[in-house]
Amino acid sequence: MGINRSIDALQEPLAQAARWFLTRCSEEHIPVLVIETNRTQAVQDAYYAQGRKPITEVNTLRKKAGLYLIKERENRVITKARISTHTGGRALDICLEIAGKPGFL
């Protein structure tokens, strides 16, 4: 469980489009990272609980989903969706890579 970053976990034609995009980024020397692809409902439930439930409950859900535990200050809303297109491999998150880390602007 946990976070899935595999393009192979995506449905077609999204997987094909993602491979094309990543190849083009590489050719243009644009460093990007795949943050997440297919997501289990357990992971989505843990994400949805963040900022809505007490930290102990959030971390229980995160542990069950195979995610790392977070601190109280990190317990903030990160999604509005109870059901996500990530579940079933119909979405992916990509960001720039800056100094070897995700570069969120």
PDB file of N, CA and C in Angstrom:
ATOM      1  N   MET A   1       0.839  -1.187   0.000  1.00  0.00           N
ATOM      2  CA  MET A   1       0.000   0.000   0.000  1.00  0.00           C
ATOM      3  C   MET A   1       0.879   1.243   0.000  1.00  0.00           C
ATOM      4  N   GLY A   2       0.363   2.332   0.496  1.00  0.00           N
ATOM      5  CA  GLY A   2       1.112   3.572   0.519  1.00  0.00           C
ATOM      6  C   GLY A   2       0.968   4.329  -0.790  1.00  0.00           C
ATOM      7  N   ILE A   3       1.935   5.149  -1.069  1.00  0.00           N
ATOM      8  CA  ILE A   3       1.888   6.004  -2.266  1.00  0.00           C
ATOM      9  C   ILE A   3       2.396   5.234  -3.475  1.00  0.00           C
ATOM     10  N   ASN A   4       1.619   5.268  -4.540  1.00  0.00           N
ATOM     11  CA  ASN A   4       1.970   4.601  -5.785  1.00  0.00           C
ATOM     12  C   ASN A   4       2.431   5.663  -6.783  1.00  0.00           C
ATOM     13  N   ARG A   5       3.613   5.477  -7.352  1.00  0.00           N
ATOM     14  CA  ARG A   5       4.158   6.416  -8.333  1.00  0.00           C
ATOM     15  C   ARG A   5       4.342   5.773  -9.712  1.00  0.00           C
ATOM     16  N   SER A   6       3.820   4.570  -9.880  1.00  0.00           N
ATOM     17  CA  SER A   6       4.040   3.815 -11.108  1.00  0.00           C
ATOM     18  C   SER A   6       3.099   4.260 -12.234  1.00  0.00           C
ATOM     19  N   ILE A   7       3.682   4.628 -13.350  1.00  0.00           N
ATOM     20  CA  ILE A   7       2.892   4.965 -14.541  1.00  0.00           C
ATOM     21  C   ILE A   7       2.134   3.722 -15.018  1.00  0.00           C
ATOM     22  N   ASP A   8       2.717   2.554 -14.811  1.00  0.00           N
ATOM     23  CA  ASP A   8       2.064   1.305 -15.216  1.00  0.00           C
ATOM     24  C   ASP A   8       0.758   1.061 -14.468  1.00  0.00           C
ATOM     25  N   ALA A   9       0.559   1.723 -13.342  1.00  0.00           N
ATOM     26  CA  ALA A   9      -0.668   1.560 -12.568  1.00  0.00           C
ATOM     27  C   ALA A   9      -1.821   2.399 -13.115  1.00  0.00           C
ATOM     28  N   LEU A  10      -1.542   3.235 -14.106  1.00  0.00           N
ATOM     29  CA  LEU A  10      -2.571   4.088 -14.694  1.00  0.00           C
ATOM     30  C   LEU A  10      -3.344   3.357 -15.781  1.00  0.00           C
ATOM     31  N   GLN A  11      -4.571   3.775 -15.989  1.00  0.00           N
ATOM     32  CA  GLN A  11      -5.370   3.239 -17.082  1.00  0.00           C
ATOM     33  C   GLN A  11      -4.901   3.847 -18.402  1.00  0.00           C
ATOM     34  N   GLU A  12      -5.104   3.108 -19.477  1.00  0.00           N
ATOM     35  CA  GLU A  12      -4.864   3.650 -20.817  1.00  0.00           C
ATOM     36  C   GLU A  12      -6.083   4.472 -21.215  1.00  0.00           C
ATOM     37  N   PRO A  13      -5.955   5.544 -21.956  1.00  0.00           N
ATOM     38  CA  PRO A  13      -4.746   6.050 -22.588  1.00  0.00           C
ATOM     39  C   PRO A  13      -3.927   7.008 -21.712  1.00  0.00           C
ATOM     40  N   LEU A  14      -4.326   7.172 -20.440  1.00  0.00           N
ATOM     41  CA  LEU A  14      -3.585   8.084 -19.562  1.00  0.00           C
ATOM     42  C   LEU A  14      -2.141   7.643 -19.383  1.00  0.00           C
ATOM     43  N   ALA A  15      -1.898   6.348 -19.218  1.00  0.00           N
ATOM     44  CA  ALA A  15      -0.524   5.860 -19.042  1.00  0.00           C
ATOM     45  C   ALA A  15       0.323   6.225 -20.255  1.00  0.00           C
ATOM     46  N   GLN A  16      -0.217   6.046 -21.434  1.00  0.00           N
ATOM     47  CA  GLN A  16       0.513   6.393 -22.659  1.00  0.00           C
ATOM     48  C   GLN A  16       0.798   7.895 -22.711  1.00  0.00           C
ATOM     49  N   ALA A  17      -0.183   8.708 -22.386  1.00  0.00           N
ATOM     50  CA  ALA A  17       0.000  10.169 -22.391  1.00  0.00           C
ATOM     51  C   ALA A  17       1.038  10.584 -21.350  1.00  0.00           C
ATOM     52  N   ALA A  18       1.018   9.943 -20.190  1.00  0.00           N
ATOM     53  CA  ALA A  18       1.992  10.264 -19.135  1.00  0.00           C
ATOM     54  C   ALA A  18       3.407   9.908 -19.582  1.00  0.00           C
ATOM     55  N   ARG A  19       3.568   8.755 -20.210  1.00  0.00           N
ATOM     56  CA  ARG A  19       4.897   8.367 -20.721  1.00  0.00           C
ATOM     57  C   ARG A  19       5.391   9.378 -21.757  1.00  0.00           C
ATOM     58  N   TRP A  20       4.505   9.778 -22.657  1.00  0.00           N
ATOM     59  CA  TRP A  20       4.868  10.773 -23.681  1.00  0.00           C
ATOM     60  C   TRP A  20       5.300  12.075 -23.010  1.00  0.00           C
ATOM     61  N   PHE A  21       4.510  12.545 -22.034  1.00  0.00           N
ATOM     62  CA  PHE A  21       4.809  13.788 -21.341  1.00  0.00           C
ATOM     63  C   PHE A  21       6.151  13.710 -20.620  1.00  0.00           C
ATOM     64  N   LEU A  22       6.390  12.625 -19.909  1.00  0.00           N
ATOM     65  CA  LEU A  22       7.653  12.468 -19.182  1.00  0.00           C
ATOM     66  C   LEU A  22       8.841  12.393 -20.131  1.00  0.00           C
ATOM     67  N   THR A  23       8.658  11.750 -21.272  1.00  0.00           N
ATOM     68  CA  THR A  23       9.725  11.697 -22.287  1.00  0.00           C
ATOM     69  C   THR A  23      10.021  13.093 -22.811  1.00  0.00           C
ATOM     70  N   ARG A  24       8.977  13.853 -23.121  1.00  0.00           N
ATOM     71  CA  ARG A  24       9.173  15.228 -23.616  1.00  0.00           C
ATOM     72  C   ARG A  24       9.865  16.095 -22.564  1.00  0.00           C
ATOM     73  N   CYS A  25       9.483  15.964 -21.311  1.00  0.00           N
ATOM     74  CA  CYS A  25      10.143  16.724 -20.247  1.00  0.00           C
ATOM     75  C   CYS A  25      11.624  16.377 -20.193  1.00  0.00           C
ATOM     76  N   SER A  26      11.936  15.095 -20.295  1.00  0.00           N
ATOM     77  CA  SER A  26      13.327  14.662 -20.275  1.00  0.00           C
ATOM     78  C   SER A  26      14.093  15.232 -21.469  1.00  0.00           C
ATOM     79  N   GLU A  27      13.505  15.163 -22.645  1.00  0.00           N
ATOM     80  CA  GLU A  27      14.152  15.696 -23.856  1.00  0.00           C
ATOM     81  C   GLU A  27      14.416  17.190 -23.750  1.00  0.00           C
ATOM     82  N   GLU A  28      13.526  17.899 -23.064  1.00  0.00           N
ATOM     83  CA  GLU A  28      13.660  19.356 -22.904  1.00  0.00           C
ATOM     84  C   GLU A  28      14.431  19.728 -21.639  1.00  0.00           C
ATOM     85  N   HIS A  29      14.960  18.708 -20.945  1.00  0.00           N
ATOM     86  CA  HIS A  29      15.725  18.912 -19.706  1.00  0.00           C
ATOM     87  C   HIS A  29      14.901  19.646 -18.650  1.00  0.00           C
ATOM     88  N   ILE A  30      13.642  19.254 -18.547  1.00  0.00           N
ATOM     89  CA  ILE A  30      12.747  19.785 -17.523  1.00  0.00           C
ATOM     90  C   ILE A  30      12.601  18.695 -16.460  1.00  0.00           C
ATOM     91  N   PRO A  31      13.196  18.891 -15.303  1.00  0.00           N
ATOM     92  CA  PRO A  31      13.131  17.854 -14.268  1.00  0.00           C
ATOM     93  C   PRO A  31      11.759  17.828 -13.594  1.00  0.00           C
ATOM     94  N   VAL A  32      11.115  16.688 -13.657  1.00  0.00           N
ATOM     95  CA  VAL A  32       9.810  16.524 -13.024  1.00  0.00           C
ATOM     96  C   VAL A  32       9.804  15.248 -12.188  1.00  0.00           C
ATOM     97  N   LEU A  33       8.903  15.203 -11.234  1.00  0.00           N
ATOM     98  CA  LEU A  33       8.707  14.028 -10.388  1.00  0.00           C
ATOM     99  C   LEU A  33       7.246  13.594 -10.467  1.00  0.00           C
ATOM    100  N   VAL A  34       7.044  12.303 -10.542  1.00  0.00           N
ATOM    101  CA  VAL A  34       5.692  11.761 -10.410  1.00  0.00           C
ATOM    102  C   VAL A  34       5.441  11.638  -8.912  1.00  0.00           C
ATOM    103  N   ILE A  35       4.457  12.335  -8.418  1.00  0.00           N
ATOM    104  CA  ILE A  35       4.144  12.352  -6.993  1.00  0.00           C
ATOM    105  C   ILE A  35       3.238  11.187  -6.616  1.00  0.00           C
ATOM    106  N   GLU A  36       2.210  10.943  -7.449  1.00  0.00           N
ATOM    107  CA  GLU A  36       1.280   9.860  -7.142  1.00  0.00           C
ATOM    108  C   GLU A  36       0.467   9.509  -8.380  1.00  0.00           C
ATOM    109  N   THR A  37       0.170   8.211  -8.520  1.00  0.00           N
ATOM    110  CA  THR A  37      -0.669   7.749  -9.634  1.00  0.00           C
ATOM    111  C   THR A  37      -1.910   7.078  -9.036  1.00  0.00           C
ATOM    112  N   ASN A  38      -2.011   5.773  -9.193  1.00  0.00           N
ATOM    113  CA  ASN A  38      -3.179   5.046  -8.693  1.00  0.00           C
ATOM    114  C   ASN A  38      -3.193   5.082  -7.168  1.00  0.00           C
ATOM    115  N   ARG A  39      -4.358   5.327  -6.609  1.00  0.00           N
ATOM    116  CA  ARG A  39      -4.501   5.479  -5.161  1.00  0.00           C
ATOM    117  C   ARG A  39      -5.581   4.527  -4.659  1.00  0.00           C
ATOM    118  N   THR A  40      -5.324   3.862  -3.548  1.00  0.00           N
ATOM    119  CA  THR A  40      -6.362   3.014  -2.952  1.00  0.00           C
ATOM    120  C   THR A  40      -7.390   3.904  -2.253  1.00  0.00           C
ATOM    121  N   GLN A  41      -8.562   3.350  -2.012  1.00  0.00           N
ATOM    122  CA  GLN A  41      -9.574   4.113  -1.280  1.00  0.00           C
ATOM    123  C   GLN A  41      -9.113   4.366   0.148  1.00  0.00           C
ATOM    124  N   ALA A  42      -8.320   3.462   0.718  1.00  0.00           N
ATOM    125  CA  ALA A  42      -7.792   3.668   2.078  1.00  0.00           C
ATOM    126  C   ALA A  42      -6.897   4.907   2.132  1.00  0.00           C
ATOM    127  N   VAL A  43      -6.072   5.106   1.112  1.00  0.00           N
ATOM    128  CA  VAL A  43      -5.230   6.300   1.050  1.00  0.00           C
ATOM    129  C   VAL A  43      -6.111   7.536   0.893  1.00  0.00           C
ATOM    130  N   GLN A  44      -7.106   7.467   0.020  1.00  0.00           N
ATOM    131  CA  GLN A  44      -8.001   8.612  -0.177  1.00  0.00           C
ATOM    132  C   GLN A  44      -8.744   8.945   1.115  1.00  0.00           C
ATOM    133  N   ASP A  45      -9.191   7.925   1.834  1.00  0.00           N
ATOM    134  CA  ASP A  45      -9.883   8.157   3.106  1.00  0.00           C
ATOM    135  C   ASP A  45      -8.965   8.873   4.102  1.00  0.00           C
ATOM    136  N   ALA A  46      -7.702   8.467   4.151  1.00  0.00           N
ATOM    137  CA  ALA A  46      -6.739   9.109   5.056  1.00  0.00           C
ATOM    138  C   ALA A  46      -6.508  10.559   4.649  1.00  0.00           C
ATOM    139  N   TYR A  47      -6.359  10.801   3.344  1.00  0.00           N
ATOM    140  CA  TYR A  47      -6.183  12.172   2.861  1.00  0.00           C
ATOM    141  C   TYR A  47      -7.400  13.033   3.195  1.00  0.00           C
ATOM    142  N   TYR A  48      -8.585  12.482   2.994  1.00  0.00           N
ATOM    143  CA  TYR A  48      -9.806  13.250   3.231  1.00  0.00           C
ATOM    144  C   TYR A  48      -9.986  13.574   4.723  1.00  0.00           C
ATOM    145  N   ALA A  49      -9.533  12.691   5.586  1.00  0.00           N
ATOM    146  CA  ALA A  49      -9.664  12.923   7.032  1.00  0.00           C
ATOM    147  C   ALA A  49      -8.794  14.074   7.513  1.00  0.00           C
ATOM    148  N   GLN A  50      -7.697  14.327   6.804  1.00  0.00           N
ATOM    149  CA  GLN A  50      -6.777  15.387   7.233  1.00  0.00           C
ATOM    150  C   GLN A  50      -7.488  16.735   7.306  1.00  0.00           C
ATOM    151  N   GLY A  51      -7.287  17.402   8.422  1.00  0.00           N
ATOM    152  CA  GLY A  51      -7.883  18.711   8.639  1.00  0.00           C
ATOM    153  C   GLY A  51      -9.348  18.645   9.040  1.00  0.00           C
ATOM    154  N   ARG A  52      -9.923  17.453   9.014  1.00  0.00           N
ATOM    155  CA  ARG A  52     -11.326  17.278   9.383  1.00  0.00           C
ATOM    156  C   ARG A  52     -11.486  16.433  10.643  1.00  0.00           C
ATOM    157  N   LYS A  53     -10.488  15.633  10.957  1.00  0.00           N
ATOM    158  CA  LYS A  53     -10.532  14.715  12.096  1.00  0.00           C
ATOM    159  C   LYS A  53      -9.342  14.992  13.009  1.00  0.00           C
ATOM    160  N   PRO A  54      -9.419  14.545  14.266  1.00  0.00           N
ATOM    161  CA  PRO A  54      -8.283  14.703  15.183  1.00  0.00           C
ATOM    162  C   PRO A  54      -7.055  13.944  14.654  1.00  0.00           C
ATOM    163  N   ILE A  55      -5.891  14.424  15.021  1.00  0.00           N
ATOM    164  CA  ILE A  55      -4.631  13.861  14.517  1.00  0.00           C
ATOM    165  C   ILE A  55      -4.512  12.367  14.821  1.00  0.00           C
ATOM    166  N   THR A  56      -5.002  11.918  15.968  1.00  0.00           N
ATOM    167  CA  THR A  56      -4.907  10.487  16.281  1.00  0.00           C
ATOM    168  C   THR A  56      -5.711   9.653  15.290  1.00  0.00           C
ATOM    169  N   GLU A  57      -6.882  10.114  14.934  1.00  0.00           N
ATOM    170  CA  GLU A  57      -7.712   9.394  13.963  1.00  0.00           C
ATOM    171  C   GLU A  57      -7.093   9.448  12.562  1.00  0.00           C
ATOM    172  N   VAL A  58      -6.578  10.613  12.203  1.00  0.00           N
ATOM    173  CA  VAL A  58      -5.915  10.761  10.898  1.00  0.00           C
ATOM    174  C   VAL A  58      -4.744   9.797  10.799  1.00  0.00           C
ATOM    175  N   ASN A  59      -3.911   9.748  11.826  1.00  0.00           N
ATOM    176  CA  ASN A  59      -2.734   8.872  11.782  1.00  0.00           C
ATOM    177  C   ASN A  59      -3.109   7.392  11.831  1.00  0.00           C
ATOM    178  N   THR A  60      -4.208   7.053  12.473  1.00  0.00           N
ATOM    179  CA  THR A  60      -4.689   5.667  12.426  1.00  0.00           C
ATOM    180  C   THR A  60      -5.034   5.295  10.989  1.00  0.00           C
ATOM    181  N   LEU A  61      -5.743   6.179  10.294  1.00  0.00           N
ATOM    182  CA  LEU A  61      -6.090   5.940   8.891  1.00  0.00           C
ATOM    183  C   LEU A  61      -4.845   5.909   8.005  1.00  0.00           C
ATOM    184  N   ARG A  62      -3.909   6.826   8.247  1.00  0.00           N
ATOM    185  CA  ARG A  62      -2.682   6.867   7.452  1.00  0.00           C
ATOM    186  C   ARG A  62      -1.874   5.587   7.646  1.00  0.00           C
ATOM    187  N   LYS A  63      -1.768   5.123   8.872  1.00  0.00           N
ATOM    188  CA  LYS A  63      -1.021   3.886   9.142  1.00  0.00           C
ATOM    189  C   LYS A  63      -1.688   2.711   8.431  1.00  0.00           C
ATOM    190  N   LYS A  64      -2.998   2.620   8.529  1.00  0.00           N
ATOM    191  CA  LYS A  64      -3.757   1.548   7.872  1.00  0.00           C
ATOM    192  C   LYS A  64      -3.532   1.562   6.351  1.00  0.00           C
ATOM    193  N   ALA A  65      -3.363   2.765   5.786  1.00  0.00           N
ATOM    194  CA  ALA A  65      -3.173   2.914   4.341  1.00  0.00           C
ATOM    195  C   ALA A  65      -1.713   2.759   3.919  1.00  0.00           C
ATOM    196  N   GLY A  66      -0.807   2.577   4.880  1.00  0.00           N
ATOM    197  CA  GLY A  66       0.608   2.428   4.556  1.00  0.00           C
ATOM    198  C   GLY A  66       1.314   3.754   4.333  1.00  0.00           C
ATOM    199  N   LEU A  67       0.757   4.821   4.878  1.00  0.00           N
ATOM    200  CA  LEU A  67       1.353   6.155   4.748  1.00  0.00           C
ATOM    201  C   LEU A  67       2.138   6.503   6.014  1.00  0.00           C
ATOM    202  N   TYR A  68       3.057   7.448   5.874  1.00  0.00           N
ATOM    203  CA  TYR A  68       3.798   7.915   7.045  1.00  0.00           C
ATOM    204  C   TYR A  68       2.869   8.727   7.946  1.00  0.00           C
ATOM    205  N   LEU A  69       3.197   8.767   9.227  1.00  0.00           N
ATOM    206  CA  LEU A  69       2.401   9.531  10.177  1.00  0.00           C
ATOM    207  C   LEU A  69       2.767  11.006  10.095  1.00  0.00           C
ATOM    208  N   ILE A  70       1.797  11.854  10.386  1.00  0.00           N
ATOM    209  CA  ILE A  70       2.028  13.296  10.318  1.00  0.00           C
ATOM    210  C   ILE A  70       1.927  13.910  11.711  1.00  0.00           C
ATOM    211  N   LYS A  71       2.426  15.127  11.813  1.00  0.00           N
ATOM    212  CA  LYS A  71       2.361  15.874  13.069  1.00  0.00           C
ATOM    213  C   LYS A  71       1.111  16.762  13.064  1.00  0.00           C
ATOM    214  N   GLU A  72       0.742  17.224  14.234  1.00  0.00           N
ATOM    215  CA  GLU A  72      -0.460  18.063  14.382  1.00  0.00           C
ATOM    216  C   GLU A  72      -0.451  19.251  13.414  1.00  0.00           C
ATOM    217  N   ARG A  73       0.692  19.907  13.260  1.00  0.00           N
ATOM    218  CA  ARG A  73       0.766  21.082  12.382  1.00  0.00           C
ATOM    219  C   ARG A  73       0.533  20.734  10.913  1.00  0.00           C
ATOM    220  N   GLU A  74       0.698  19.462  10.556  1.00  0.00           N
ATOM    221  CA  GLU A  74       0.471  19.014   9.181  1.00  0.00           C
ATOM    222  C   GLU A  74      -0.974  18.566   8.950  1.00  0.00           C
ATOM    223  N   ASN A  75      -1.755  18.532  10.005  1.00  0.00           N
ATOM    224  CA  ASN A  75      -3.130  18.057   9.911  1.00  0.00           C
ATOM    225  C   ASN A  75      -4.025  19.176   9.371  1.00  0.00           C
ATOM    226  N   ARG A  76      -3.952  19.345   8.060  1.00  0.00           N
ATOM    227  CA  ARG A  76      -4.759  20.364   7.382  1.00  0.00           C
ATOM    228  C   ARG A  76      -5.426  19.719   6.169  1.00  0.00           C
ATOM    229  N   VAL A  77      -6.478  20.329   5.693  1.00  0.00           N
ATOM    230  CA  VAL A  77      -7.207  19.802   4.539  1.00  0.00           C
ATOM    231  C   VAL A  77      -6.289  19.787   3.323  1.00  0.00           C
ATOM    232  N   ILE A  78      -6.212  18.620   2.660  1.00  0.00           N
ATOM    233  CA  ILE A  78      -5.390  18.507   1.450  1.00  0.00           C
ATOM    234  C   ILE A  78      -6.202  18.055   0.241  1.00  0.00           C
ATOM    235  N   THR A  79      -7.460  17.688   0.462  1.00  0.00           N
ATOM    236  CA  THR A  79      -8.329  17.310  -0.651  1.00  0.00           C
ATOM    237  C   THR A  79      -9.773  17.626  -0.297  1.00  0.00           C
ATOM    238  N   LYS A  80     -10.555  17.892  -1.308  1.00  0.00           N
ATOM    239  CA  LYS A  80     -11.991  18.102  -1.122  1.00  0.00           C
ATOM    240  C   LYS A  80     -12.782  16.861  -1.521  1.00  0.00           C
ATOM    241  N   ALA A  81     -12.087  15.856  -2.029  1.00  0.00           N
ATOM    242  CA  ALA A  81     -12.760  14.691  -2.608  1.00  0.00           C
ATOM    243  C   ALA A  81     -12.740  13.469  -1.697  1.00  0.00           C
ATOM    244  N   ARG A  82     -13.921  12.925  -1.425  1.00  0.00           N
ATOM    245  CA  ARG A  82     -14.004  11.632  -0.736  1.00  0.00           C
ATOM    246  C   ARG A  82     -13.654  10.509  -1.714  1.00  0.00           C
ATOM    247  N   ILE A  83     -14.076  10.686  -2.949  1.00  0.00           N
ATOM    248  CA  ILE A  83     -13.782   9.754  -4.032  1.00  0.00           C
ATOM    249  C   ILE A  83     -12.931  10.520  -5.036  1.00  0.00           C
ATOM    250  N   SER A  84     -11.829   9.925  -5.465  1.00  0.00           N
ATOM    251  CA  SER A  84     -10.893  10.615  -6.353  1.00  0.00           C
ATOM    252  C   SER A  84     -10.725   9.854  -7.662  1.00  0.00           C
ATOM    253  N   THR A  85     -10.416  10.594  -8.713  1.00  0.00           N
ATOM    254  CA  THR A  85     -10.074   9.944  -9.983  1.00  0.00           C
ATOM    255  C   THR A  85      -8.747   9.194  -9.868  1.00  0.00           C
ATOM    256  N   HIS A  86      -7.993   9.457  -8.825  1.00  0.00           N
ATOM    257  CA  HIS A  86      -6.763   8.687  -8.585  1.00  0.00           C
ATOM    258  C   HIS A  86      -7.098   7.227  -8.304  1.00  0.00           C
ATOM    259  N   THR A  87      -8.228   6.978  -7.619  1.00  0.00           N
ATOM    260  CA  THR A  87      -8.603   5.593  -7.348  1.00  0.00           C
ATOM    261  C   THR A  87      -9.050   4.981  -8.667  1.00  0.00           C
ATOM    262  N   GLY A  88      -8.401   3.930  -9.033  1.00  0.00           N
ATOM    263  CA  GLY A  88      -8.676   3.311 -10.328  1.00  0.00           C
ATOM    264  C   GLY A  88      -7.693   3.735 -11.403  1.00  0.00           C
ATOM    265  N   GLY A  89      -6.701   4.561 -11.050  1.00  0.00           N
ATOM    266  CA  GLY A  89      -5.648   4.916 -11.998  1.00  0.00           C
ATOM    267  C   GLY A  89      -6.080   5.854 -13.104  1.00  0.00           C
ATOM    268  N   ARG A  90      -6.953   6.817 -12.774  1.00  0.00           N
ATOM    269  CA  ARG A  90      -7.443   7.753 -13.784  1.00  0.00           C
ATOM    270  C   ARG A  90      -6.896   9.163 -13.588  1.00  0.00           C
ATOM    271  N   ALA A  91      -5.857   9.301 -12.750  1.00  0.00           N
ATOM    272  CA  ALA A  91      -5.245  10.612 -12.520  1.00  0.00           C
ATOM    273  C   ALA A  91      -3.816  10.415 -12.021  1.00  0.00           C
ATOM    274  N   LEU A  92      -3.006  11.459 -12.176  1.00  0.00           N
ATOM    275  CA  LEU A  92      -1.667  11.442 -11.613  1.00  0.00           C
ATOM    276  C   LEU A  92      -1.273  12.856 -11.230  1.00  0.00           C
ATOM    277  N   ASP A  93      -0.376  12.931 -10.273  1.00  0.00           N
ATOM    278  CA  ASP A  93       0.169  14.216  -9.837  1.00  0.00           C
ATOM    279  C   ASP A  93       1.633  14.252 -10.231  1.00  0.00           C
ATOM    280  N   ILE A  94       2.026  15.363 -10.860  1.00  0.00           N
ATOM    281  CA  ILE A  94       3.406  15.582 -11.295  1.00  0.00           C
ATOM    282  C   ILE A  94       3.794  16.988 -10.861  1.00  0.00           C
ATOM    283  N   CYS A  95       5.063  17.168 -10.481  1.00  0.00           N
ATOM    284  CA  CYS A  95       5.542  18.508 -10.163  1.00  0.00           C
ATOM    285  C   CYS A  95       6.977  18.665 -10.656  1.00  0.00           C
ATOM    286  N   LEU A  96       7.441  19.884 -10.654  1.00  0.00           N
ATOM    287  CA  LEU A  96       8.840  20.150 -10.971  1.00  0.00           C
ATOM    288  C   LEU A  96       9.733  19.580  -9.880  1.00  0.00           C
ATOM    289  N   GLU A  97      10.912  19.163 -10.275  1.00  0.00           N
ATOM    290  CA  GLU A  97      11.915  18.713  -9.318  1.00  0.00           C
ATOM    291  C   GLU A  97      12.916  19.843  -9.155  1.00  0.00           C
ATOM    292  N   ILE A  98      13.081  20.308  -7.938  1.00  0.00           N
ATOM    293  CA  ILE A  98      14.010  21.403  -7.649  1.00  0.00           C
ATOM    294  C   ILE A  98      14.979  20.919  -6.578  1.00  0.00           C
ATOM    295  N   ALA A  99      16.241  20.880  -6.916  1.00  0.00           N
ATOM    296  CA  ALA A  99      17.287  20.413  -5.997  1.00  0.00           C
ATOM    297  C   ALA A  99      16.978  19.021  -5.461  1.00  0.00           C
ATOM    298  N   GLY A 100      16.459  18.151  -6.340  1.00  0.00           N
ATOM    299  CA  GLY A 100      16.197  16.772  -5.975  1.00  0.00           C
ATOM    300  C   GLY A 100      14.929  16.549  -5.168  1.00  0.00           C
ATOM    301  N   LYS A 101      14.132  17.600  -4.990  1.00  0.00           N
ATOM    302  CA  LYS A 101      12.917  17.502  -4.185  1.00  0.00           C
ATOM    303  C   LYS A 101      11.732  18.063  -4.974  1.00  0.00           C
ATOM    304  N   PRO A 102      10.512  17.676  -4.545  1.00  0.00           N
ATOM    305  CA  PRO A 102       9.332  18.257  -5.198  1.00  0.00           C
ATOM    306  C   PRO A 102       9.343  19.770  -5.073  1.00  0.00           C
ATOM    307  N   GLY A 103       9.144  20.442  -6.182  1.00  0.00           N
ATOM    308  CA  GLY A 103       9.140  21.902  -6.183  1.00  0.00           C
ATOM    309  C   GLY A 103       7.754  22.433  -6.413  1.00  0.00           C
ATOM    310  N   PHE A 104       7.030  22.619  -5.338  1.00  0.00           N
ATOM    311  CA  PHE A 104       5.674  23.138  -5.441  1.00  0.00           C
ATOM    312  C   PHE A 104       5.739  24.648  -5.469  1.00  0.00           C
ATOM    313  N   LEU A 105       5.120  25.214  -6.469  1.00  0.00           N
ATOM    314  CA  LEU A 105       5.122  26.674  -6.598  1.00  0.00           C
ATOM    315  C   LEU A 105       3.886  27.268  -6.006  1.00  0.00           C
TER     316      LEU A 105
END
